[in-house]
Structure formats: structure tokens, C-alpha cells
Amino acid sequence: MNPTLAWGALLIGGMFEVGFTTCLRYVEGFRNIPWTIGFLVCALASMALLEVGARIVPMGTAYLVWGGIGAIGTVAVGILFYQEPAGLVRLLLMGAIIACITGLRMVGNHA
């Protein structure tokens, strides 16, 4: 597999992680069926794409990138759509996570 495709799988998998965390807000103990189905589909896709990415990218790095993308995306959704706080320190720390993910991509498998 092409390393670029592996990193792309991690990026898309992280986005599906944002999908399942967003759906999780509405599952109501898994009684809200449409949101529960969305949660399950997004979780399955996210995990499958993590597995695909980890075929090339070392597992620790893959998991860190996948989780970091999911965390940043989930915080961004919270700020943009759910009135969660967006203080300067919080935004700076989010930027630090993005910088770390970018750095990991730049060093690739060479570190």
C-alpha cells in the first residue's frame, strides 16, 4: 500500500471518529435508533480505516494521528455547533496537537 493512502485512511478515519462522537450525543442510551445506527456505522468505518492505515504507519503513530484528528474535530464541532468554550489556551493547545500530527506526517516512517 502507498504510504500516502495509509495517511489518507487515518485522516478519513479520524473524521469518522468525529462522526461517532457527534452521534453519541444523541443515542440516548442507544434507544434513539437512527443516531445509534449512525454511531455504529461511523465507529465501524473509523476503526476499519485505522486498521488500514496501521498496515503501513507504525501502530503507535497511527493511533496517535487517528485519535488526535478525532479529538480536534470533536472539539471543533463542540465549539462550532454546541456552544462549548473556545478560549485562547484551548485553541492554542488544539494548534499544538495539529502541529504534532503534521510533524509525525513529515517524519513518516523515518523517526
N, C-alpha and C. Protein backbone atom coordinates (compact mmCIF):
# COMPACT_ATOMS: atom_id res chain seq x y z
N MET A 1 0.85 -1.19 0.00
CA MET A 1 0.00 0.00 0.00
C MET A 1 0.89 1.24 0.00
N ASN A 2 0.46 2.22 -0.71
CA ASN A 2 1.13 3.51 -0.79
C ASN A 2 1.03 4.22 0.57
N PRO A 3 2.15 4.74 1.11
CA PRO A 3 2.09 5.45 2.40
C PRO A 3 1.11 6.63 2.40
N THR A 4 0.98 7.30 1.28
CA THR A 4 0.04 8.43 1.21
C THR A 4 -1.40 7.94 1.42
N LEU A 5 -1.72 6.78 0.87
CA LEU A 5 -3.05 6.21 1.08
C LEU A 5 -3.26 5.83 2.54
N ALA A 6 -2.21 5.32 3.18
CA ALA A 6 -2.32 4.95 4.59
C ALA A 6 -2.61 6.19 5.44
N TRP A 7 -1.89 7.28 5.17
CA TRP A 7 -2.13 8.52 5.92
C TRP A 7 -3.51 9.07 5.61
N GLY A 8 -3.95 8.94 4.37
CA GLY A 8 -5.30 9.37 4.00
C GLY A 8 -6.36 8.56 4.74
N ALA A 9 -6.12 7.25 4.88
CA ALA A 9 -7.06 6.41 5.63
C ALA A 9 -7.15 6.88 7.08
N LEU A 10 -6.01 7.26 7.67
CA LEU A 10 -6.03 7.76 9.05
C LEU A 10 -6.79 9.08 9.15
N LEU A 11 -6.61 9.95 8.18
CA LEU A 11 -7.32 11.23 8.16
C LEU A 11 -8.83 11.01 8.07
N ILE A 12 -9.24 10.19 7.13
CA ILE A 12 -10.68 9.93 6.96
C ILE A 12 -11.23 9.17 8.17
N GLY A 13 -10.44 8.23 8.69
CA GLY A 13 -10.85 7.51 9.89
C GLY A 13 -11.06 8.44 11.07
N GLY A 14 -10.17 9.45 11.21
CA GLY A 14 -10.34 10.44 12.26
C GLY A 14 -11.61 11.25 12.07
N MET A 15 -11.96 11.52 10.83
CA MET A 15 -13.21 12.25 10.56
C MET A 15 -14.43 11.40 10.92
N PHE A 16 -14.35 10.10 10.65
CA PHE A 16 -15.46 9.22 11.07
C PHE A 16 -15.53 9.15 12.60
N GLU A 17 -14.38 9.31 13.26
CA GLU A 17 -14.39 9.35 14.72
C GLU A 17 -15.18 10.57 15.20
N VAL A 18 -15.02 11.69 14.52
CA VAL A 18 -15.83 12.88 14.84
C VAL A 18 -17.30 12.57 14.63
N GLY A 19 -17.61 11.82 13.59
CA GLY A 19 -18.99 11.42 13.34
C GLY A 19 -19.56 10.59 14.48
N PHE A 20 -18.77 9.61 14.96
CA PHE A 20 -19.35 8.78 16.02
C PHE A 20 -19.43 9.50 17.35
N THR A 21 -18.51 10.42 17.62
CA THR A 21 -18.64 11.18 18.87
C THR A 21 -19.82 12.15 18.80
N THR A 22 -20.08 12.69 17.62
CA THR A 22 -21.22 13.59 17.45
C THR A 22 -22.53 12.79 17.60
N CYS A 23 -22.60 11.63 16.96
CA CYS A 23 -23.79 10.79 17.10
C CYS A 23 -24.01 10.38 18.55
N LEU A 24 -22.92 10.16 19.27
CA LEU A 24 -23.01 9.71 20.65
C LEU A 24 -23.78 10.69 21.53
N ARG A 25 -23.78 11.97 21.15
CA ARG A 25 -24.55 12.97 21.90
C ARG A 25 -26.04 12.66 21.90
N TYR A 26 -26.51 11.95 20.89
CA TYR A 26 -27.95 11.78 20.67
C TYR A 26 -28.46 10.35 20.79
N VAL A 27 -27.62 9.39 21.13
CA VAL A 27 -28.09 7.99 21.13
C VAL A 27 -29.05 7.68 22.27
N GLU A 28 -29.06 8.50 23.32
CA GLU A 28 -30.00 8.34 24.44
C GLU A 28 -30.02 6.92 24.97
N GLY A 29 -28.84 6.46 25.42
CA GLY A 29 -28.76 5.10 25.93
C GLY A 29 -28.96 4.05 24.85
N PHE A 30 -28.65 4.40 23.62
CA PHE A 30 -28.81 3.54 22.45
C PHE A 30 -30.27 3.21 22.17
N ARG A 31 -31.18 4.07 22.64
CA ARG A 31 -32.61 3.90 22.36
C ARG A 31 -33.05 4.70 21.13
N ASN A 32 -32.28 5.73 20.77
CA ASN A 32 -32.59 6.52 19.58
C ASN A 32 -31.95 5.80 18.39
N ILE A 33 -32.74 5.03 17.69
CA ILE A 33 -32.23 4.09 16.68
C ILE A 33 -31.49 4.78 15.53
N PRO A 34 -32.01 5.85 14.92
CA PRO A 34 -31.25 6.47 13.82
C PRO A 34 -29.86 6.95 14.25
N TRP A 35 -29.78 7.59 15.41
CA TRP A 35 -28.48 8.07 15.88
C TRP A 35 -27.58 6.91 16.30
N THR A 36 -28.17 5.86 16.83
CA THR A 36 -27.39 4.68 17.20
C THR A 36 -26.81 4.03 15.95
N ILE A 37 -27.60 3.94 14.89
CA ILE A 37 -27.09 3.38 13.64
C ILE A 37 -25.96 4.26 13.09
N GLY A 38 -26.14 5.58 13.14
CA GLY A 38 -25.07 6.49 12.71
C GLY A 38 -23.81 6.29 13.52
N PHE A 39 -23.97 6.15 14.83
CA PHE A 39 -22.84 5.91 15.71
C PHE A 39 -22.11 4.62 15.31
N LEU A 40 -22.87 3.53 15.14
CA LEU A 40 -22.26 2.25 14.81
C LEU A 40 -21.56 2.26 13.45
N VAL A 41 -22.19 2.89 12.46
CA VAL A 41 -21.59 2.97 11.13
C VAL A 41 -20.29 3.78 11.18
N CYS A 42 -20.34 4.92 11.84
CA CYS A 42 -19.14 5.77 11.93
C CYS A 42 -18.04 5.09 12.73
N ALA A 43 -18.40 4.42 13.83
CA ALA A 43 -17.40 3.73 14.64
C ALA A 43 -16.74 2.60 13.85
N LEU A 44 -17.54 1.83 13.14
CA LEU A 44 -17.00 0.73 12.33
C LEU A 44 -16.08 1.26 11.23
N ALA A 45 -16.52 2.29 10.53
CA ALA A 45 -15.70 2.87 9.46
C ALA A 45 -14.40 3.44 10.03
N SER A 46 -14.51 4.12 11.16
CA SER A 46 -13.34 4.72 11.79
C SER A 46 -12.31 3.67 12.17
N MET A 47 -12.76 2.62 12.83
CA MET A 47 -11.84 1.54 13.24
C MET A 47 -11.26 0.81 12.04
N ALA A 48 -12.07 0.58 11.02
CA ALA A 48 -11.58 -0.10 9.82
C ALA A 48 -10.49 0.73 9.15
N LEU A 49 -10.69 2.03 9.08
CA LEU A 49 -9.68 2.88 8.45
C LEU A 49 -8.42 3.00 9.30
N LEU A 50 -8.56 2.95 10.62
CA LEU A 50 -7.37 2.89 11.49
C LEU A 50 -6.58 1.63 11.17
N GLU A 51 -7.26 0.51 11.03
CA GLU A 51 -6.57 -0.74 10.71
C GLU A 51 -5.86 -0.65 9.36
N VAL A 52 -6.50 -0.05 8.38
CA VAL A 52 -5.89 0.10 7.05
C VAL A 52 -4.64 0.98 7.15
N GLY A 53 -4.75 2.11 7.84
CA GLY A 53 -3.60 3.00 7.98
C GLY A 53 -2.45 2.36 8.73
N ALA A 54 -2.77 1.55 9.73
CA ALA A 54 -1.74 0.92 10.56
C ALA A 54 -1.01 -0.21 9.83
N ARG A 55 -1.45 -0.56 8.64
CA ARG A 55 -0.71 -1.55 7.85
C ARG A 55 0.64 -0.99 7.41
N ILE A 56 0.72 0.32 7.23
CA ILE A 56 1.95 0.98 6.77
C ILE A 56 2.54 1.86 7.87
N VAL A 57 1.72 2.69 8.46
CA VAL A 57 2.17 3.61 9.50
C VAL A 57 2.29 2.80 10.80
N PRO A 58 3.38 2.96 11.56
CA PRO A 58 3.50 2.23 12.82
C PRO A 58 2.27 2.45 13.71
N MET A 59 1.83 1.41 14.40
CA MET A 59 0.58 1.44 15.15
C MET A 59 0.52 2.60 16.14
N GLY A 60 1.57 2.84 16.89
CA GLY A 60 1.54 3.94 17.85
C GLY A 60 1.32 5.29 17.18
N THR A 61 2.01 5.50 16.08
CA THR A 61 1.86 6.74 15.33
C THR A 61 0.47 6.81 14.71
N ALA A 62 0.03 5.71 14.13
CA ALA A 62 -1.30 5.67 13.50
C ALA A 62 -2.38 6.00 14.52
N TYR A 63 -2.30 5.39 15.70
CA TYR A 63 -3.30 5.62 16.72
C TYR A 63 -3.27 7.06 17.22
N LEU A 64 -2.07 7.60 17.38
CA LEU A 64 -1.95 8.99 17.83
C LEU A 64 -2.54 9.96 16.81
N VAL A 65 -2.26 9.74 15.54
CA VAL A 65 -2.79 10.61 14.48
C VAL A 65 -4.31 10.48 14.39
N TRP A 66 -4.79 9.25 14.34
CA TRP A 66 -6.23 8.98 14.26
C TRP A 66 -6.96 9.59 15.44
N GLY A 67 -6.47 9.34 16.63
CA GLY A 67 -7.10 9.89 17.83
C GLY A 67 -7.00 11.40 17.91
N GLY A 68 -5.86 11.94 17.49
CA GLY A 68 -5.68 13.40 17.50
C GLY A 68 -6.64 14.10 16.55
N ILE A 69 -6.79 13.55 15.37
CA ILE A 69 -7.74 14.12 14.40
C ILE A 69 -9.16 14.04 14.96
N GLY A 70 -9.49 12.90 15.54
CA GLY A 70 -10.82 12.76 16.13
C GLY A 70 -11.04 13.73 17.28
N ALA A 71 -10.03 13.91 18.11
CA ALA A 71 -10.16 14.82 19.25
C ALA A 71 -10.30 16.27 18.79
N ILE A 72 -9.45 16.70 17.87
CA ILE A 72 -9.52 18.07 17.36
C ILE A 72 -10.87 18.31 16.68
N GLY A 73 -11.29 17.36 15.86
CA GLY A 73 -12.57 17.51 15.17
C GLY A 73 -13.74 17.55 16.13
N THR A 74 -13.70 16.71 17.16
CA THR A 74 -14.78 16.69 18.13
C THR A 74 -14.85 17.99 18.92
N VAL A 75 -13.70 18.52 19.30
CA VAL A 75 -13.67 19.81 19.99
C VAL A 75 -14.19 20.91 19.06
N ALA A 76 -13.77 20.88 17.80
CA ALA A 76 -14.22 21.90 16.83
C ALA A 76 -15.74 21.85 16.64
N VAL A 77 -16.30 20.65 16.54
CA VAL A 77 -17.75 20.52 16.41
C VAL A 77 -18.43 21.08 17.66
N GLY A 78 -17.88 20.78 18.81
CA GLY A 78 -18.45 21.30 20.05
C GLY A 78 -18.44 22.82 20.10
N ILE A 79 -17.35 23.41 19.65
CA ILE A 79 -17.23 24.88 19.64
C ILE A 79 -18.19 25.48 18.62
N LEU A 80 -18.21 24.91 17.42
CA LEU A 80 -18.99 25.50 16.33
C LEU A 80 -20.49 25.28 16.45
N PHE A 81 -20.91 24.14 17.01
CA PHE A 81 -22.33 23.79 16.98
C PHE A 81 -22.99 23.64 18.36
N TYR A 82 -22.18 23.51 19.42
CA TYR A 82 -22.76 23.24 20.73
C TYR A 82 -22.33 24.24 21.81
N GLN A 83 -21.86 25.39 21.40
CA GLN A 83 -21.50 26.48 22.30
C GLN A 83 -20.52 26.07 23.39
N GLU A 84 -19.63 25.14 23.09
CA GLU A 84 -18.57 24.80 24.03
C GLU A 84 -17.54 25.92 24.03
N PRO A 85 -16.82 26.11 25.13
CA PRO A 85 -15.88 27.24 25.21
C PRO A 85 -14.74 27.14 24.20
N ALA A 86 -14.32 28.30 23.71
CA ALA A 86 -13.23 28.37 22.73
C ALA A 86 -12.19 29.37 23.22
N GLY A 87 -11.72 29.21 24.43
CA GLY A 87 -10.73 30.13 24.98
C GLY A 87 -9.40 30.05 24.25
N LEU A 88 -8.60 31.07 24.44
CA LEU A 88 -7.31 31.17 23.77
C LEU A 88 -6.42 29.96 24.08
N VAL A 89 -6.33 29.58 25.33
CA VAL A 89 -5.47 28.46 25.71
C VAL A 89 -5.96 27.17 25.04
N ARG A 90 -7.26 26.97 25.04
CA ARG A 90 -7.82 25.78 24.40
C ARG A 90 -7.47 25.75 22.92
N LEU A 91 -7.62 26.88 22.24
CA LEU A 91 -7.30 26.94 20.81
C LEU A 91 -5.80 26.74 20.56
N LEU A 92 -4.97 27.29 21.43
CA LEU A 92 -3.52 27.09 21.29
C LEU A 92 -3.14 25.63 21.48
N LEU A 93 -3.75 24.97 22.44
CA LEU A 93 -3.47 23.55 22.66
C LEU A 93 -3.95 22.70 21.49
N MET A 94 -5.09 23.07 20.91
CA MET A 94 -5.56 22.37 19.70
C MET A 94 -4.54 22.55 18.57
N GLY A 95 -4.01 23.77 18.45
CA GLY A 95 -2.99 24.03 17.44
C GLY A 95 -1.74 23.19 17.67
N ALA A 96 -1.40 22.98 18.93
CA ALA A 96 -0.23 22.15 19.25
C ALA A 96 -0.45 20.71 18.81
N ILE A 97 -1.66 20.21 19.00
CA ILE A 97 -1.97 18.84 18.56
C ILE A 97 -1.86 18.75 17.04
N ILE A 98 -2.39 19.75 16.36
CA ILE A 98 -2.31 19.77 14.89
C ILE A 98 -0.84 19.82 14.44
N ALA A 99 -0.03 20.61 15.13
CA ALA A 99 1.40 20.69 14.79
C ALA A 99 2.08 19.34 15.00
N CYS A 100 1.72 18.65 16.07
CA CYS A 100 2.30 17.33 16.33
C CYS A 100 1.91 16.32 15.25
N ILE A 101 0.65 16.33 14.85
CA ILE A 101 0.19 15.42 13.79
C ILE A 101 0.93 15.73 12.49
N THR A 102 1.06 17.01 12.18
CA THR A 102 1.80 17.42 10.97
C THR A 102 3.25 16.96 11.04
N GLY A 103 3.86 17.14 12.20
CA GLY A 103 5.25 16.70 12.38
C GLY A 103 5.40 15.20 12.20
N LEU A 104 4.47 14.43 12.74
CA LEU A 104 4.52 12.98 12.57
C LEU A 104 4.40 12.59 11.10
N ARG A 105 3.56 13.30 10.37
CA ARG A 105 3.43 13.01 8.93
C ARG A 105 4.72 13.36 8.20
N MET A 106 5.36 14.44 8.61
CA MET A 106 6.57 14.87 7.92
C MET A 106 7.72 13.90 8.13
N VAL A 107 7.82 13.32 9.33
CA VAL A 107 8.89 12.36 9.55
C VAL A 107 8.53 10.97 9.05
N GLY A 108 7.23 10.73 8.84
CA GLY A 108 6.77 9.45 8.28
C GLY A 108 7.31 8.27 9.04
N ASN A 109 7.86 7.32 8.36
CA ASN A 109 8.42 6.11 8.98
C ASN A 109 9.89 6.24 9.27
N HIS A 110 10.43 7.47 9.18
CA HIS A 110 11.87 7.66 9.31
C HIS A 110 12.31 7.92 10.74
N ALA A 111 11.36 8.16 11.64
CA ALA A 111 11.74 8.50 13.01
C ALA A 111 12.07 7.27 13.82
